[in-house]
Protein backbone atom coordinates (compact mmCIF):
# COMPACT_ATOMS: atom_id res chain seq x y z
CA UNK A 1 146.91 -165.76 -68.51
CA UNK A 2 149.77 -165.50 -66.22
CA UNK A 3 151.12 -162.84 -63.96
CA UNK A 4 150.15 -159.23 -63.45
CA UNK A 5 151.14 -158.06 -66.80
CA UNK A 6 148.50 -160.16 -68.62
CA UNK A 7 145.80 -158.79 -66.28
CA UNK A 8 147.08 -155.08 -66.50
CA UNK A 9 146.37 -155.11 -70.26
CA UNK A 10 142.66 -155.39 -69.61
CA UNK A 11 142.24 -152.88 -66.82
CA UNK A 12 141.82 -149.15 -67.67
CA UNK A 13 141.87 -146.06 -65.52
CA UNK A 14 144.44 -147.15 -62.88
CA UNK A 15 145.12 -144.45 -60.36
CA UNK A 16 148.82 -145.22 -60.01
CA UNK A 17 150.00 -148.35 -61.90
CA UNK A 18 153.44 -148.80 -60.15
CA UNK A 19 151.57 -149.38 -56.75
CA UNK A 20 148.48 -151.05 -58.02
CA UNK A 21 150.08 -153.71 -60.34
CA UNK A 22 152.05 -156.33 -58.50
CA UNK A 23 153.10 -160.02 -58.71
CA UNK A 24 149.84 -161.35 -57.38
CA UNK A 25 147.31 -159.28 -59.40
CA UNK A 26 145.96 -155.76 -59.48
CA UNK A 27 144.62 -153.63 -56.59
CA UNK A 28 141.46 -151.76 -57.40
CA UNK A 29 140.52 -148.41 -55.84
CA UNK A 30 137.19 -146.87 -54.69
CA UNK A 31 135.74 -144.10 -56.76
CA UNK A 32 132.35 -143.72 -55.02
CA UNK A 33 130.36 -145.06 -52.06
CA UNK A 34 126.59 -144.90 -52.24
CA UNK A 35 123.69 -145.42 -49.88
CA UNK A 36 120.55 -147.12 -51.11
CA UNK A 37 117.91 -144.46 -50.72
CA UNK A 38 115.02 -146.29 -52.27
CA UNK A 39 114.66 -149.95 -53.14
CA UNK A 40 115.29 -151.58 -56.58
CA UNK A 41 112.84 -154.14 -57.94
CA UNK A 42 113.41 -157.66 -59.18
CA UNK A 43 110.73 -159.89 -60.69
CA UNK A 44 110.64 -163.19 -62.43
CA UNK A 45 110.33 -162.10 -65.95
CA UNK A 46 112.26 -158.87 -65.83
CA UNK A 47 109.39 -156.66 -66.96
CA UNK A 48 109.27 -154.94 -63.62
CA UNK A 49 113.02 -154.71 -63.03
CA UNK A 50 114.05 -151.39 -61.60
CA UNK A 51 117.41 -150.05 -60.36
CA UNK A 52 117.70 -148.95 -56.69
CA UNK A 53 117.93 -145.23 -56.07
CA UNK A 54 121.56 -144.70 -55.04
CA UNK A 55 122.70 -141.45 -53.22
CA UNK A 56 126.38 -140.66 -53.14
CA UNK A 57 127.89 -140.56 -49.60
CA UNK A 58 129.83 -137.28 -49.40
CA UNK A 59 133.52 -137.09 -48.63
CA UNK A 60 135.06 -134.65 -46.11
CA UNK A 61 138.55 -133.14 -46.30
CA UNK A 62 140.77 -133.41 -43.22
CA UNK A 63 142.55 -130.23 -44.07
CA UNK A 64 141.37 -127.54 -46.50
CA UNK A 65 144.34 -127.98 -48.85
CA UNK A 66 143.94 -131.83 -49.06
CA UNK A 67 143.46 -133.21 -52.56
CA UNK A 68 141.36 -136.23 -51.49
CA UNK A 69 138.57 -136.59 -48.91
CA UNK A 70 137.40 -139.30 -46.64
CA UNK A 71 134.13 -141.19 -46.48
CA UNK A 72 133.13 -141.66 -42.74
CA UNK A 73 130.52 -144.34 -42.95
CA UNK A 74 128.54 -146.00 -40.17
CA UNK A 75 128.00 -149.69 -39.90
CA UNK A 76 125.58 -150.99 -42.50
CA UNK A 77 125.18 -151.78 -46.08
CA UNK A 78 126.48 -149.53 -48.93
CA UNK A 79 127.29 -149.82 -52.68
CA UNK A 80 130.90 -149.43 -53.86
CA UNK A 81 132.02 -148.22 -57.32
CA UNK A 82 135.63 -148.84 -58.48
CA UNK A 83 137.80 -146.24 -60.43
CA UNK A 84 139.08 -149.00 -62.83
CA UNK A 85 137.23 -150.51 -65.80
CA UNK A 86 137.68 -154.01 -67.48
CA UNK A 87 138.09 -154.22 -71.18
CA UNK A 88 137.17 -157.83 -71.70
CA UNK A 89 139.57 -160.34 -70.10
CA UNK A 90 140.53 -163.43 -72.08
CA UNK A 91 139.81 -165.63 -69.06
CA UNK A 92 137.78 -164.77 -65.98
CA UNK A 93 139.61 -163.26 -63.00
CA UNK A 94 138.75 -163.25 -59.32
CA UNK A 95 137.56 -159.91 -57.72
CA UNK A 96 137.91 -160.08 -53.95
CA UNK A 97 138.24 -157.64 -51.04
CA UNK A 98 141.75 -156.79 -50.01
CA UNK A 99 143.00 -157.99 -46.54
CA UNK A 100 143.27 -154.29 -45.52
CA UNK A 101 139.50 -153.83 -45.97
CA UNK A 102 138.63 -157.16 -44.20
CA UNK A 103 140.84 -156.47 -41.21
CA UNK A 104 139.04 -153.08 -40.60
CA UNK A 105 135.58 -154.55 -40.67
CA UNK A 106 134.59 -153.86 -44.23
CA UNK A 107 133.86 -156.58 -46.85
CA UNK A 108 132.33 -157.11 -50.25
CA UNK A 109 131.64 -160.32 -52.17
CA UNK A 110 134.18 -162.24 -54.12
CA UNK A 111 133.27 -163.22 -57.66
CA UNK A 112 134.71 -164.06 -61.02
CA UNK A 113 134.58 -161.16 -63.49
CA UNK A 114 135.45 -160.97 -67.19
CA UNK A 115 133.91 -157.96 -69.04
CA UNK A 116 133.09 -155.44 -66.42
CA UNK A 117 133.42 -154.52 -62.77
CA UNK A 118 129.94 -154.39 -61.16
CA UNK A 119 128.85 -152.06 -58.46
CA UNK A 120 129.51 -153.94 -55.26
CA UNK A 121 127.64 -154.30 -52.04
CA UNK A 122 129.88 -153.06 -49.41
CA UNK A 123 129.26 -154.31 -45.74
CA UNK A 124 130.65 -152.25 -42.91
CA UNK A 125 130.77 -153.45 -39.28
CA UNK A 126 128.85 -151.75 -36.49
CA UNK A 127 131.89 -149.54 -35.45
CA UNK A 128 131.97 -147.87 -38.86
CA UNK A 129 134.80 -147.30 -41.32
CA UNK A 130 136.67 -144.42 -42.78
CA UNK A 131 137.86 -144.79 -46.47
CA UNK A 132 139.96 -142.21 -48.31
CA UNK A 133 139.18 -141.45 -51.93
CA UNK A 134 141.11 -143.78 -54.23
CA UNK A 135 141.96 -146.22 -51.35
CA UNK A 136 142.87 -149.73 -52.58
CA UNK A 137 139.88 -151.81 -51.35
CA UNK A 138 139.75 -154.76 -53.77
CA UNK A 139 142.04 -157.02 -55.74
CA UNK A 140 141.72 -158.53 -59.11
CA UNK A 141 143.77 -161.82 -59.18
CA UNK A 142 144.09 -164.65 -61.70
CA UNK A 143 141.81 -167.60 -60.92
CA UNK A 144 143.70 -170.02 -58.61
CA UNK A 145 145.38 -167.21 -56.63
CA UNK A 146 143.94 -166.58 -53.19
CA UNK A 147 144.11 -163.58 -50.80
CA UNK A 148 147.59 -162.24 -50.07
């Protein structure tokens, strides 16, 4: 797999392709931010596996006629959902936080993905973070490419 065009074939629901698809990969956008309201459960055999209870963090509009709102989140741990979906990559790609997120005190794990984009734990520094709906927070890059 080489270049952005090969990756773009396997990513659906892009918010605005001309900005998101570039030479180094594809920027992924935030669809929802959740708080963990009640714990999930993990056991050895999987018989007692239960999802955590996630509550959406509401957005607020800066002006009444704004189309998109902002999440104003305090420092702590959250769960992030992307707008985009994967449709089965031929080869794994690297999902990583964008430098813009990292430089503002937010982070999520980097991992290889192939057939879906999982819900991601989002860490926010003590000072908090404001994220606008559809903000580009992650990047999907071919394996071997690092952060840009």
